[in-house]
Each structure stands twice: as structure tokens, then as C-alpha cells.
Full PDB file with SEQRES, HELIX, SHEET, SSBOND, CRYST1, ORIGX, SCALE, CONECT and MASTER records, all heavy atoms in Angstrom:
SEQRES   1 A   41  SER SER SER GLU CYS ARG CYS TYR ARG LEU HIS GLY PHE          
SEQRES   2 A   41  SER LEU LEU LYS ARG PHE PRO LEU SER ALA ASP GLY ALA          
SEQRES   3 A   41  CYS GLY LYS ALA LEU ASP GLN PRO VAL GLY GLU TRP LEU          
SEQRES   4 A   41  GLU GLN                                                      
HELIX    1 AA1 GLY A   28  LEU A   31  1                                   4    
HELIX    2 AA2 VAL A   35  GLU A   40  1                                   6    
SHEET    1 AA1 2 CYS A   7  LEU A  10  0                                        
SHEET    2 AA1 2 PHE A  13  LEU A  16 -1                                        
CRYST1    1.000    1.000    1.000  90.00  90.00  90.00 P 1           1          
ORIGX1      1.000000  0.000000  0.000000        0.00000                         
ORIGX2      0.000000  1.000000  0.000000        0.00000                         
ORIGX3      0.000000  0.000000  1.000000        0.00000                         
SCALE1      1.000000  0.000000  0.000000        0.00000                         
SCALE2      0.000000  1.000000  0.000000        0.00000                         
SCALE3      0.000000  0.000000  1.000000        0.00000                         
ATOM      1  N   SER A   1       8.404  -0.591   0.784  1.00  0.00           N  
ATOM      2  CA  SER A   1       7.796  -1.771   1.408  1.00  0.00           C  
ATOM      3  C   SER A   1       6.330  -1.560   1.412  1.00  0.00           C  
ATOM      4  O   SER A   1       5.841  -0.476   1.539  1.00  0.00           O  
ATOM      5  CB  SER A   1       8.459  -1.976   2.820  1.00  0.00           C  
ATOM      6  OG  SER A   1       7.975  -0.993   3.669  1.00  0.00           O  
ATOM      7  N   SER A   2       5.594  -2.701   1.376  1.00  0.00           N  
ATOM      8  CA  SER A   2       4.219  -2.538   1.227  1.00  0.00           C  
ATOM      9  C   SER A   2       3.482  -1.856   2.512  1.00  0.00           C  
ATOM     10  O   SER A   2       2.490  -1.269   2.395  1.00  0.00           O  
ATOM     11  CB  SER A   2       3.591  -4.017   1.152  1.00  0.00           C  
ATOM     12  OG  SER A   2       3.947  -4.786   2.356  1.00  0.00           O  
ATOM     13  N   SER A   3       4.059  -1.854   3.711  1.00  0.00           N  
ATOM     14  CA  SER A   3       3.632  -1.265   4.796  1.00  0.00           C  
ATOM     15  C   SER A   3       3.702   0.268   4.654  1.00  0.00           C  
ATOM     16  O   SER A   3       2.876   1.122   5.179  1.00  0.00           O  
ATOM     17  CB  SER A   3       4.227  -1.672   6.118  1.00  0.00           C  
ATOM     18  OG  SER A   3       5.639  -1.218   6.128  1.00  0.00           O  
ATOM     19  N   GLU A   4       4.660   0.817   3.836  1.00  0.00           N  
ATOM     20  CA  GLU A   4       4.917   2.179   3.692  1.00  0.00           C  
ATOM     21  C   GLU A   4       4.364   2.759   2.307  1.00  0.00           C  
ATOM     22  O   GLU A   4       4.378   3.876   2.086  1.00  0.00           O  
ATOM     23  CB  GLU A   4       6.423   2.547   3.800  1.00  0.00           C  
ATOM     24  CG  GLU A   4       6.956   2.274   4.969  1.00  0.00           C  
ATOM     25  CD  GLU A   4       8.553   2.396   5.036  1.00  0.00           C  
ATOM     26  OE1 GLU A   4       8.922   3.217   4.156  1.00  0.00           O  
ATOM     27  OE2 GLU A   4       9.218   1.834   5.789  1.00  0.00           O  
ATOM     28  N   CYS A   5       3.920   1.773   1.509  1.00  0.00           N  
ATOM     29  CA  CYS A   5       3.565   2.142   0.103  1.00  0.00           C  
ATOM     30  C   CYS A   5       2.247   3.040   0.238  1.00  0.00           C  
ATOM     31  O   CYS A   5       1.216   2.696   0.788  1.00  0.00           O  
ATOM     32  CB  CYS A   5       3.269   0.887  -0.715  1.00  0.00           C  
ATOM     33  SG  CYS A   5       2.953   1.227  -2.424  1.00  0.00           S  
ATOM     34  N   ARG A   6       2.289   4.088  -0.608  1.00  0.00           N  
ATOM     35  CA  ARG A   6       1.124   4.820  -0.802  1.00  0.00           C  
ATOM     36  C   ARG A   6       0.895   5.036  -2.340  1.00  0.00           C  
ATOM     37  O   ARG A   6       0.665   6.099  -2.935  1.00  0.00           O  
ATOM     38  CB  ARG A   6       1.339   6.281  -0.279  1.00  0.00           C  
ATOM     39  CG  ARG A   6       1.495   6.255   1.348  1.00  0.00           C  
ATOM     40  CD  ARG A   6       1.677   7.541   1.783  1.00  0.00           C  
ATOM     41  NE  ARG A   6       1.695   7.519   3.214  1.00  0.00           N  
ATOM     42  CZ  ARG A   6       1.597   8.493   4.076  1.00  0.00           C  
ATOM     43  NH1 ARG A   6       1.409   9.848   3.619  1.00  0.00           N  
ATOM     44  NH2 ARG A   6       1.727   8.304   5.397  1.00  0.00           N  
ATOM     45  N   CYS A   7       0.735   3.894  -2.957  1.00  0.00           N  
ATOM     46  CA  CYS A   7       0.625   3.826  -4.383  1.00  0.00           C  
ATOM     47  C   CYS A   7      -0.609   3.032  -4.806  1.00  0.00           C  
ATOM     48  O   CYS A   7      -1.175   2.241  -3.981  1.00  0.00           O  
ATOM     49  CB  CYS A   7       1.868   3.011  -5.015  1.00  0.00           C  
ATOM     50  SG  CYS A   7       3.517   3.727  -4.501  1.00  0.00           S  
ATOM     51  N   TYR A   8      -0.993   3.275  -6.070  1.00  0.00           N  
ATOM     52  CA  TYR A   8      -2.132   2.460  -6.517  1.00  0.00           C  
ATOM     53  C   TYR A   8      -1.510   1.466  -7.510  1.00  0.00           C  
ATOM     54  O   TYR A   8      -0.495   1.737  -8.341  1.00  0.00           O  
ATOM     55  CB  TYR A   8      -3.023   3.327  -7.467  1.00  0.00           C  
ATOM     56  CG  TYR A   8      -3.680   4.392  -6.532  1.00  0.00           C  
ATOM     57  CD1 TYR A   8      -3.193   5.578  -6.333  1.00  0.00           C  
ATOM     58  CD2 TYR A   8      -4.940   4.055  -6.065  1.00  0.00           C  
ATOM     59  CE1 TYR A   8      -3.745   6.575  -5.551  1.00  0.00           C  
ATOM     60  CE2 TYR A   8      -5.657   4.990  -5.247  1.00  0.00           C  
ATOM     61  CZ  TYR A   8      -4.985   6.216  -4.986  1.00  0.00           C  
ATOM     62  OH  TYR A   8      -5.810   7.120  -4.243  1.00  0.00           O  
ATOM     63  N   ARG A   9      -1.943   0.180  -7.348  1.00  0.00           N  
ATOM     64  CA  ARG A   9      -1.292  -0.871  -8.106  1.00  0.00           C  
ATOM     65  C   ARG A   9      -2.057  -1.106  -9.323  1.00  0.00           C  
ATOM     66  O   ARG A   9      -3.319  -1.056  -9.400  1.00  0.00           O  
ATOM     67  CB  ARG A   9      -1.336  -2.107  -7.285  1.00  0.00           C  
ATOM     68  CG  ARG A   9      -0.475  -1.962  -6.054  1.00  0.00           C  
ATOM     69  CD  ARG A   9       0.375  -3.221  -5.837  1.00  0.00           C  
ATOM     70  NE  ARG A   9       1.189  -2.917  -4.511  1.00  0.00           N  
ATOM     71  CZ  ARG A   9       2.576  -2.555  -4.796  1.00  0.00           C  
ATOM     72  NH1 ARG A   9       3.146  -2.454  -5.865  1.00  0.00           N  
ATOM     73  NH2 ARG A   9       3.293  -2.295  -3.676  1.00  0.00           N  
ATOM     74  N   LEU A  10      -1.380  -1.345 -10.478  1.00  0.00           N  
ATOM     75  CA  LEU A  10      -2.067  -1.820 -11.783  1.00  0.00           C  
ATOM     76  C   LEU A  10      -1.207  -2.786 -12.531  1.00  0.00           C  
ATOM     77  O   LEU A  10      -0.042  -2.597 -12.823  1.00  0.00           O  
ATOM     78  CB  LEU A  10      -2.130  -0.595 -12.626  1.00  0.00           C  
ATOM     79  CG  LEU A  10      -2.692  -0.561 -13.948  1.00  0.00           C  
ATOM     80  CD1 LEU A  10      -4.161  -1.060 -13.877  1.00  0.00           C  
ATOM     81  CD2 LEU A  10      -2.430   0.697 -14.803  1.00  0.00           C  
ATOM     82  N   HIS A  11      -1.691  -3.942 -12.650  1.00  0.00           N  
ATOM     83  CA  HIS A  11      -0.860  -5.107 -13.343  1.00  0.00           C  
ATOM     84  C   HIS A  11       0.408  -5.237 -12.705  1.00  0.00           C  
ATOM     85  O   HIS A  11       1.494  -5.422 -13.530  1.00  0.00           O  
ATOM     86  CB  HIS A  11      -0.773  -4.823 -14.779  1.00  0.00           C  
ATOM     87  CG  HIS A  11      -2.186  -4.654 -15.463  1.00  0.00           C  
ATOM     88  ND1 HIS A  11      -3.229  -5.587 -15.500  1.00  0.00           N  
ATOM     89  CD2 HIS A  11      -2.568  -3.528 -16.114  1.00  0.00           C  
ATOM     90  CE1 HIS A  11      -4.164  -4.988 -16.078  1.00  0.00           C  
ATOM     91  NE2 HIS A  11      -3.856  -3.786 -16.446  1.00  0.00           N  
ATOM     92  N   GLY A  12       0.705  -5.415 -11.406  1.00  0.00           N  
ATOM     93  CA  GLY A  12       1.852  -5.620 -10.707  1.00  0.00           C  
ATOM     94  C   GLY A  12       2.790  -4.464 -10.684  1.00  0.00           C  
ATOM     95  O   GLY A  12       3.892  -4.463 -10.085  1.00  0.00           O  
ATOM     96  N   PHE A  13       2.425  -3.283 -11.256  1.00  0.00           N  
ATOM     97  CA  PHE A  13       3.158  -2.090 -11.202  1.00  0.00           C  
ATOM     98  C   PHE A  13       2.448  -1.099 -10.228  1.00  0.00           C  
ATOM     99  O   PHE A  13       1.299  -1.178  -9.941  1.00  0.00           O  
ATOM    100  CB  PHE A  13       3.241  -1.332 -12.521  1.00  0.00           C  
ATOM    101  CG  PHE A  13       4.126  -2.175 -13.521  1.00  0.00           C  
ATOM    102  CD1 PHE A  13       3.657  -3.148 -14.328  1.00  0.00           C  
ATOM    103  CD2 PHE A  13       5.556  -1.995 -13.389  1.00  0.00           C  
ATOM    104  CE1 PHE A  13       4.388  -3.752 -15.171  1.00  0.00           C  
ATOM    105  CE2 PHE A  13       6.317  -2.750 -14.453  1.00  0.00           C  
ATOM    106  CZ  PHE A  13       5.784  -3.613 -15.259  1.00  0.00           C  
ATOM    107  N   SER A  14       3.270  -0.140  -9.797  1.00  0.00           N  
ATOM    108  CA  SER A  14       2.519   0.942  -8.775  1.00  0.00           C  
ATOM    109  C   SER A  14       2.658   2.326  -9.567  1.00  0.00           C  
ATOM    110  O   SER A  14       3.647   2.608 -10.159  1.00  0.00           O  
ATOM    111  CB  SER A  14       3.079   0.997  -7.573  1.00  0.00           C  
ATOM    112  OG  SER A  14       4.519   1.279  -7.578  1.00  0.00           O  
ATOM    113  N   LEU A  15       1.560   2.982  -9.407  1.00  0.00           N  
ATOM    114  CA  LEU A  15       1.599   4.385  -9.936  1.00  0.00           C  
ATOM    115  C   LEU A  15       1.616   5.335  -8.806  1.00  0.00           C  
ATOM    116  O   LEU A  15       0.579   5.335  -8.046  1.00  0.00           O  
ATOM    117  CB  LEU A  15       0.377   4.627 -10.721  1.00  0.00           C  
ATOM    118  CG  LEU A  15       0.200   3.774 -12.098  1.00  0.00           C  
ATOM    119  CD1 LEU A  15      -1.084   3.996 -12.756  1.00  0.00           C  
ATOM    120  CD2 LEU A  15       1.365   3.975 -13.007  1.00  0.00           C  
ATOM    121  N   LEU A  16       2.621   5.941  -8.391  1.00  0.00           N  
ATOM    122  CA  LEU A  16       2.770   6.743  -7.357  1.00  0.00           C  
ATOM    123  C   LEU A  16       1.831   7.941  -7.418  1.00  0.00           C  
ATOM    124  O   LEU A  16       1.861   8.601  -8.429  1.00  0.00           O  
ATOM    125  CB  LEU A  16       4.223   7.279  -7.146  1.00  0.00           C  
ATOM    126  CG  LEU A  16       4.610   8.007  -5.819  1.00  0.00           C  
ATOM    127  CD1 LEU A  16       4.433   7.076  -4.799  1.00  0.00           C  
ATOM    128  CD2 LEU A  16       6.003   8.454  -5.973  1.00  0.00           C  
ATOM    129  N   LYS A  17       0.934   8.090  -6.440  1.00  0.00           N  
ATOM    130  CA  LYS A  17      -0.035   9.133  -6.373  1.00  0.00           C  
ATOM    131  C   LYS A  17       0.301  10.314  -5.445  1.00  0.00           C  
ATOM    132  O   LYS A  17      -0.167  11.435  -5.659  1.00  0.00           O  
ATOM    133  CB  LYS A  17      -1.417   8.590  -6.046  1.00  0.00           C  
ATOM    134  CG  LYS A  17      -1.950   7.715  -7.153  1.00  0.00           C  
ATOM    135  CD  LYS A  17      -2.234   8.453  -8.363  1.00  0.00           C  
ATOM    136  CE  LYS A  17      -2.823   7.700  -9.438  1.00  0.00           C  
ATOM    137  NZ  LYS A  17      -3.102   8.328 -10.633  1.00  0.00           N  
ATOM    138  N   ARG A  18       0.998  10.058  -4.471  1.00  0.00           N  
ATOM    139  CA  ARG A  18       1.328  11.055  -3.539  1.00  0.00           C  
ATOM    140  C   ARG A  18       2.595  10.724  -2.707  1.00  0.00           C  
ATOM    141  O   ARG A  18       2.784   9.504  -2.414  1.00  0.00           O  
ATOM    142  CB  ARG A  18       0.247  11.505  -2.569  1.00  0.00           C  
ATOM    143  CG  ARG A  18      -0.272  10.387  -1.754  1.00  0.00           C  
ATOM    144  CD  ARG A  18      -1.513  10.864  -1.093  1.00  0.00           C  
ATOM    145  NE  ARG A  18      -2.331   9.723  -0.879  1.00  0.00           N  
ATOM    146  CZ  ARG A  18      -2.744   9.269   0.380  1.00  0.00           C  
ATOM    147  NH1 ARG A  18      -2.540  10.029   1.365  1.00  0.00           N  
ATOM    148  NH2 ARG A  18      -3.424   8.146   0.506  1.00  0.00           N  
ATOM    149  N   PHE A  19       3.333  11.748  -2.276  1.00  0.00           N  
ATOM    150  CA  PHE A  19       4.497  11.499  -1.285  1.00  0.00           C  
ATOM    151  C   PHE A  19       3.998  11.760   0.064  1.00  0.00           C  
ATOM    152  O   PHE A  19       3.253  12.586   0.254  1.00  0.00           O  
ATOM    153  CB  PHE A  19       5.622  12.488  -1.686  1.00  0.00           C  
ATOM    154  CG  PHE A  19       6.299  12.077  -2.962  1.00  0.00           C  
ATOM    155  CD1 PHE A  19       6.013  12.862  -4.064  1.00  0.00           C  
ATOM    156  CD2 PHE A  19       7.152  11.098  -3.060  1.00  0.00           C  
ATOM    157  CE1 PHE A  19       6.692  12.498  -5.246  1.00  0.00           C  
ATOM    158  CE2 PHE A  19       7.803  10.728  -4.193  1.00  0.00           C  
ATOM    159  CZ  PHE A  19       7.572  11.533  -5.396  1.00  0.00           C  
ATOM    160  N   PRO A  20       4.549  11.131   1.042  1.00  0.00           N  
ATOM    161  CA  PRO A  20       4.184  11.424   2.460  1.00  0.00           C  
ATOM    162  C   PRO A  20       4.774  12.944   2.691  1.00  0.00           C  
ATOM    163  O   PRO A  20       5.794  13.248   2.170  1.00  0.00           O  
ATOM    164  CB  PRO A  20       4.856  10.468   3.371  1.00  0.00           C  
ATOM    165  CG  PRO A  20       5.829   9.796   2.407  1.00  0.00           C  
ATOM    166  CD  PRO A  20       5.523  10.034   0.992  1.00  0.00           C  
ATOM    167  N   LEU A  21       3.917  13.693   3.309  1.00  0.00           N  
ATOM    168  CA  LEU A  21       4.424  15.133   3.652  1.00  0.00           C  
ATOM    169  C   LEU A  21       5.087  15.186   4.959  1.00  0.00           C  
ATOM    170  O   LEU A  21       4.711  14.398   5.896  1.00  0.00           O  
ATOM    171  CB  LEU A  21       3.179  16.012   3.570  1.00  0.00           C  
ATOM    172  CG  LEU A  21       2.467  16.197   2.203  1.00  0.00           C  
ATOM    173  CD1 LEU A  21       1.335  17.060   2.408  1.00  0.00           C  
ATOM    174  CD2 LEU A  21       3.413  16.732   1.253  1.00  0.00           C  
ATOM    175  N   SER A  22       5.971  16.139   5.083  1.00  0.00           N  
ATOM    176  CA  SER A  22       6.748  16.380   6.436  1.00  0.00           C  
ATOM    177  C   SER A  22       5.788  17.154   7.301  1.00  0.00           C  
ATOM    178  O   SER A  22       4.677  17.540   6.745  1.00  0.00           O  
ATOM    179  CB  SER A  22       7.979  16.991   6.140  1.00  0.00           C  
ATOM    180  OG  SER A  22       7.711  18.271   5.625  1.00  0.00           O  
ATOM    181  N   ALA A  23       6.156  17.427   8.538  1.00  0.00           N  
ATOM    182  CA  ALA A  23       5.409  18.167   9.405  1.00  0.00           C  
ATOM    183  C   ALA A  23       5.112  19.537   9.008  1.00  0.00           C  
ATOM    184  O   ALA A  23       4.054  20.139   9.288  1.00  0.00           O  
ATOM    185  CB  ALA A  23       6.066  18.295  10.800  1.00  0.00           C  
ATOM    186  N   ASP A  24       5.991  20.197   8.149  1.00  0.00           N  
ATOM    187  CA  ASP A  24       5.682  21.545   7.691  1.00  0.00           C  
ATOM    188  C   ASP A  24       4.795  21.527   6.473  1.00  0.00           C  
ATOM    189  O   ASP A  24       4.426  22.659   5.970  1.00  0.00           O  
ATOM    190  CB  ASP A  24       6.950  22.317   7.512  1.00  0.00           C  
ATOM    191  CG  ASP A  24       7.821  21.736   6.172  1.00  0.00           C  
ATOM    192  OD1 ASP A  24       7.387  20.785   5.666  1.00  0.00           O  
ATOM    193  OD2 ASP A  24       8.751  22.350   5.900  1.00  0.00           O  
ATOM    194  N   GLY A  25       4.397  20.290   6.159  1.00  0.00           N  
ATOM    195  CA  GLY A  25       3.444  20.238   4.904  1.00  0.00           C  
ATOM    196  C   GLY A  25       3.979  20.276   3.484  1.00  0.00           C  
ATOM    197  O   GLY A  25       3.171  19.901   2.551  1.00  0.00           O  
ATOM    198  N   ALA A  26       5.256  20.294   3.397  1.00  0.00           N  
ATOM    199  CA  ALA A  26       5.892  20.220   2.066  1.00  0.00           C  
ATOM    200  C   ALA A  26       7.058  19.284   2.050  1.00  0.00           C  
ATOM    201  O   ALA A  26       8.147  19.920   2.511  1.00  0.00           O  
ATOM    202  CB  ALA A  26       6.082  21.582   1.596  1.00  0.00           C  
ATOM    203  N   CYS A  27       7.125  18.074   1.653  1.00  0.00           N  
ATOM    204  CA  CYS A  27       8.152  17.209   1.635  1.00  0.00           C  
ATOM    205  C   CYS A  27       9.258  17.727   0.501  1.00  0.00           C  
ATOM    206  O   CYS A  27       8.657  17.974  -0.594  1.00  0.00           O  
ATOM    207  CB  CYS A  27       7.761  15.808   1.406  1.00  0.00           C  
ATOM    208  SG  CYS A  27       9.133  14.601   1.258  1.00  0.00           S  
ATOM    209  N   GLY A  28      10.493  17.703   0.799  1.00  0.00           N  
ATOM    210  CA  GLY A  28      11.406  18.210  -0.170  1.00  0.00           C  
ATOM    211  C   GLY A  28      11.411  17.286  -1.409  1.00  0.00           C  
ATOM    212  O   GLY A  28      11.480  17.830  -2.426  1.00  0.00           O  
ATOM    213  N   LYS A  29      11.343  16.030  -1.147  1.00  0.00           N  
ATOM    214  CA  LYS A  29      11.150  15.106  -2.243  1.00  0.00           C  
ATOM    215  C   LYS A  29       9.976  15.423  -3.206  1.00  0.00           C  
ATOM    216  O   LYS A  29      10.058  15.408  -4.360  1.00  0.00           O  
ATOM    217  CB  LYS A  29      11.028  13.638  -1.750  1.00  0.00           C  
ATOM    218  CG  LYS A  29      11.217  12.651  -2.862  1.00  0.00           C  
ATOM    219  CD  LYS A  29      11.212  11.227  -2.222  1.00  0.00           C  
ATOM    220  CE  LYS A  29      11.398  10.095  -3.235  1.00  0.00           C  
ATOM    221  NZ  LYS A  29      11.380   8.845  -2.663  1.00  0.00           N  
ATOM    222  N   ALA A  30       8.800  15.769  -2.583  1.00  0.00           N  
ATOM    223  CA  ALA A  30       7.645  16.150  -3.376  1.00  0.00           C  
ATOM    224  C   ALA A  30       7.881  17.337  -4.235  1.00  0.00           C  
ATOM    225  O   ALA A  30       7.394  17.525  -5.342  1.00  0.00           O  
ATOM    226  CB  ALA A  30       6.427  16.234  -2.514  1.00  0.00           C  
ATOM    227  N   LEU A  31       8.647  18.271  -3.723  1.00  0.00           N  
ATOM    228  CA  LEU A  31       8.950  19.503  -4.411  1.00  0.00           C  
ATOM    229  C   LEU A  31       9.780  19.404  -5.564  1.00  0.00           C  
ATOM    230  O   LEU A  31       9.916  20.256  -6.471  1.00  0.00           O  
ATOM    231  CB  LEU A  31       9.449  20.638  -3.494  1.00  0.00           C  
ATOM    232  CG  LEU A  31       8.529  21.191  -2.388  1.00  0.00           C  
ATOM    233  CD1 LEU A  31       9.049  22.093  -1.461  1.00  0.00           C  
ATOM    234  CD2 LEU A  31       7.149  21.813  -3.157  1.00  0.00           C  
ATOM    235  N   ASP A  32      10.674  18.404  -5.564  1.00  0.00           N  
ATOM    236  CA  ASP A  32      11.549  18.059  -6.612  1.00  0.00           C  
ATOM    237  C   ASP A  32      10.991  17.339  -7.656  1.00  0.00           C  
ATOM    238  O   ASP A  32      11.742  17.212  -8.811  1.00  0.00           O  
ATOM    239  CB  ASP A  32      12.779  17.293  -6.025  1.00  0.00           C  
ATOM    240  CG  ASP A  32      13.723  18.117  -5.163  1.00  0.00           C  
ATOM    241  OD1 ASP A  32      13.731  19.344  -5.275  1.00  0.00           O  
ATOM    242  OD2 ASP A  32      14.347  17.651  -4.246  1.00  0.00           O  
ATOM    243  N   GLN A  33       9.843  16.918  -7.633  1.00  0.00           N  
ATOM    244  CA  GLN A  33       9.151  16.137  -8.704  1.00  0.00           C  
ATOM    245  C   GLN A  33       8.857  17.028  -9.890  1.00  0.00           C  
ATOM    246  O   GLN A  33       8.496  18.203  -9.626  1.00  0.00           O  
ATOM    247  CB  GLN A  33       7.967  15.228  -8.255  1.00  0.00           C  
ATOM    248  CG  GLN A  33       6.716  16.170  -7.757  1.00  0.00           C  
ATOM    249  CD  GLN A  33       5.731  15.204  -7.318  1.00  0.00           C  
ATOM    250  OE1 GLN A  33       5.326  14.239  -7.836  1.00  0.00           O  
ATOM    251  NE2 GLN A  33       5.041  15.739  -6.129  1.00  0.00           N  
ATOM    252  N   PRO A  34       8.681  16.520 -11.022  1.00  0.00           N  
ATOM    253  CA  PRO A  34       8.045  17.356 -12.068  1.00  0.00           C  
ATOM    254  C   PRO A  34       6.703  17.833 -11.993  1.00  0.00           C  
ATOM    255  O   PRO A  34       5.869  17.179 -11.309  1.00  0.00           O  
ATOM    256  CB  PRO A  34       8.208  16.539 -13.384  1.00  0.00           C  
ATOM    257  CG  PRO A  34       9.220  15.465 -13.033  1.00  0.00           C  
ATOM    258  CD  PRO A  34       9.048  15.232 -11.521  1.00  0.00           C  
ATOM    259  N   VAL A  35       6.339  18.944 -12.514  1.00  0.00           N  
ATOM    260  CA  VAL A  35       4.956  19.588 -12.411  1.00  0.00           C  
ATOM    261  C   VAL A  35       4.040  18.537 -12.868  1.00  0.00           C  
ATOM    262  O   VAL A  35       2.878  18.278 -12.452  1.00  0.00           O  
ATOM    263  CB  VAL A  35       4.808  20.884 -13.180  1.00  0.00           C  
ATOM    264  CG1 VAL A  35       3.447  21.219 -13.232  1.00  0.00           C  
ATOM    265  CG2 VAL A  35       5.731  21.852 -12.601  1.00  0.00           C  
ATOM    266  N   GLY A  36       4.337  17.867 -14.135  1.00  0.00           N  
ATOM    267  CA  GLY A  36       3.365  16.744 -14.600  1.00  0.00           C  
ATOM    268  C   GLY A  36       3.045  15.645 -13.571  1.00  0.00           C  
ATOM    269  O   GLY A  36       1.947  15.206 -13.579  1.00  0.00           O  
ATOM    270  N   GLU A  37       4.057  15.201 -12.866  1.00  0.00           N  
ATOM    271  CA  GLU A  37       3.758  14.176 -11.813  1.00  0.00           C  
ATOM    272  C   GLU A  37       2.793  14.749 -10.654  1.00  0.00           C  
ATOM    273  O   GLU A  37       1.967  13.974 -10.292  1.00  0.00           O  
ATOM    274  CB  GLU A  37       5.115  13.671 -11.242  1.00  0.00           C  
ATOM    275  CG  GLU A  37       5.832  12.818 -12.220  1.00  0.00           C  
ATOM    276  CD  GLU A  37       7.179  12.282 -11.545  1.00  0.00           C  
ATOM    277  OE1 GLU A  37       7.158  12.218 -10.265  1.00  0.00           O  
ATOM    278  OE2 GLU A  37       8.004  11.909 -12.226  1.00  0.00           O  
ATOM    279  N   TRP A  38       3.107  16.005 -10.407  1.00  0.00           N  
ATOM    280  CA  TRP A  38       2.233  16.504  -9.330  1.00  0.00           C  
ATOM    281  C   TRP A  38       0.771  16.628  -9.762  1.00  0.00           C  
ATOM    282  O   TRP A  38      -0.118  16.279  -9.056  1.00  0.00           O  
ATOM    283  CB  TRP A  38       2.890  17.834  -8.878  1.00  0.00           C  
ATOM    284  CG  TRP A  38       1.985  18.742  -7.937  1.00  0.00           C  
ATOM    285  CD1 TRP A  38       1.688  18.323  -6.587  1.00  0.00           C  
ATOM    286  CD2 TRP A  38       1.133  19.812  -8.299  1.00  0.00           C  
ATOM    287  NE1 TRP A  38       0.819  19.305  -6.108  1.00  0.00           N  
ATOM    288  CE2 TRP A  38       0.537  20.123  -7.219  1.00  0.00           C  
ATOM    289  CE3 TRP A  38       1.059  20.540  -9.521  1.00  0.00           C  
ATOM    290  CZ2 TRP A  38      -0.458  21.254  -7.010  1.00  0.00           C  
ATOM    291  CZ3 TRP A  38       0.027  21.700  -9.401  1.00  0.00           C  
ATOM    292  CH2 TRP A  38      -0.487  21.984  -8.313  1.00  0.00           C  
ATOM    293  N   LEU A  39       0.696  17.126 -11.090  1.00  0.00           N  
ATOM    294  CA  LEU A  39      -0.752  17.265 -11.636  1.00  0.00           C  
ATOM    295  C   LEU A  39      -1.338  15.832 -11.716  1.00  0.00           C  
ATOM    296  O   LEU A  39      -2.582  15.711 -11.540  1.00  0.00           O  
ATOM    297  CB  LEU A  39      -0.664  17.931 -12.929  1.00  0.00           C  
ATOM    298  CG  LEU A  39      -0.417  19.446 -12.801  1.00  0.00           C  
ATOM    299  CD1 LEU A  39      -0.175  19.991 -14.238  1.00  0.00           C  
ATOM    300  CD2 LEU A  39      -1.596  20.138 -12.280  1.00  0.00           C  
ATOM    301  N   GLU A  40      -0.528  14.845 -12.100  1.00  0.00           N  
ATOM    302  CA  GLU A  40      -1.100  13.432 -12.062  1.00  0.00           C  
ATOM    303  C   GLU A  40      -1.604  13.126 -10.619  1.00  0.00           C  
ATOM    304  O   GLU A  40      -2.830  12.466 -10.525  1.00  0.00           O  
ATOM    305  CB  GLU A  40      -0.027  12.505 -12.432  1.00  0.00           C  
ATOM    306  CG  GLU A  40      -0.326  11.081 -12.393  1.00  0.00           C  
ATOM    307  CD  GLU A  40      -1.406  10.628 -13.504  1.00  0.00           C  
ATOM    308  OE1 GLU A  40      -1.277  11.209 -14.643  1.00  0.00           O  
ATOM    309  OE2 GLU A  40      -2.106   9.749 -13.188  1.00  0.00           O  
ATOM    310  N   GLN A  41      -0.849  13.365  -9.657  1.00  0.00           N  
ATOM    311  CA  GLN A  41      -1.289  13.159  -8.165  1.00  0.00           C  
ATOM    312  C   GLN A  41      -2.558  13.850  -7.858  1.00  0.00           C  
ATOM    313  O   GLN A  41      -3.453  13.339  -7.212  1.00  0.00           O  
ATOM    314  CB  GLN A  41      -0.221  13.529  -7.231  1.00  0.00           C  
ATOM    315  CG  GLN A  41       1.069  12.651  -7.448  1.00  0.00           C  
ATOM    316  CD  GLN A  41       2.098  13.293  -6.602  1.00  0.00           C  
ATOM    317  OE1 GLN A  41       2.074  14.179  -5.804  1.00  0.00           O  
ATOM    318  NE2 GLN A  41       3.389  12.787  -6.928  1.00  0.00           N  
TER     319      GLN A  41                                                      
MASTER        0    0    0    2    2    0    0    6  318    1    0    4          
END                                                                             
């Protein structure tokens, strides 16, 4: 949803740049992403 979105928009699409982090600093979802996506972020 737009209130929770942390994306950059480009021509109606969003390019995810970062995941929200949990209190311990490393969100499980963020750790499951490919290295290439992380480097993009």
C-alpha cells in the first residue's frame, strides 16, 4: 500500500530499493533476497 511503500516509482512501476528492517537490524525477508538485489539497493 502507498502508505507502507518504500519504493522508487518509474513509469507506473516501482523499483524496490530497501526492505524495512526489524528491531535487530536484519529483516529475514531482506536476507533472503539475491545478492544482486541487495547491491542494487
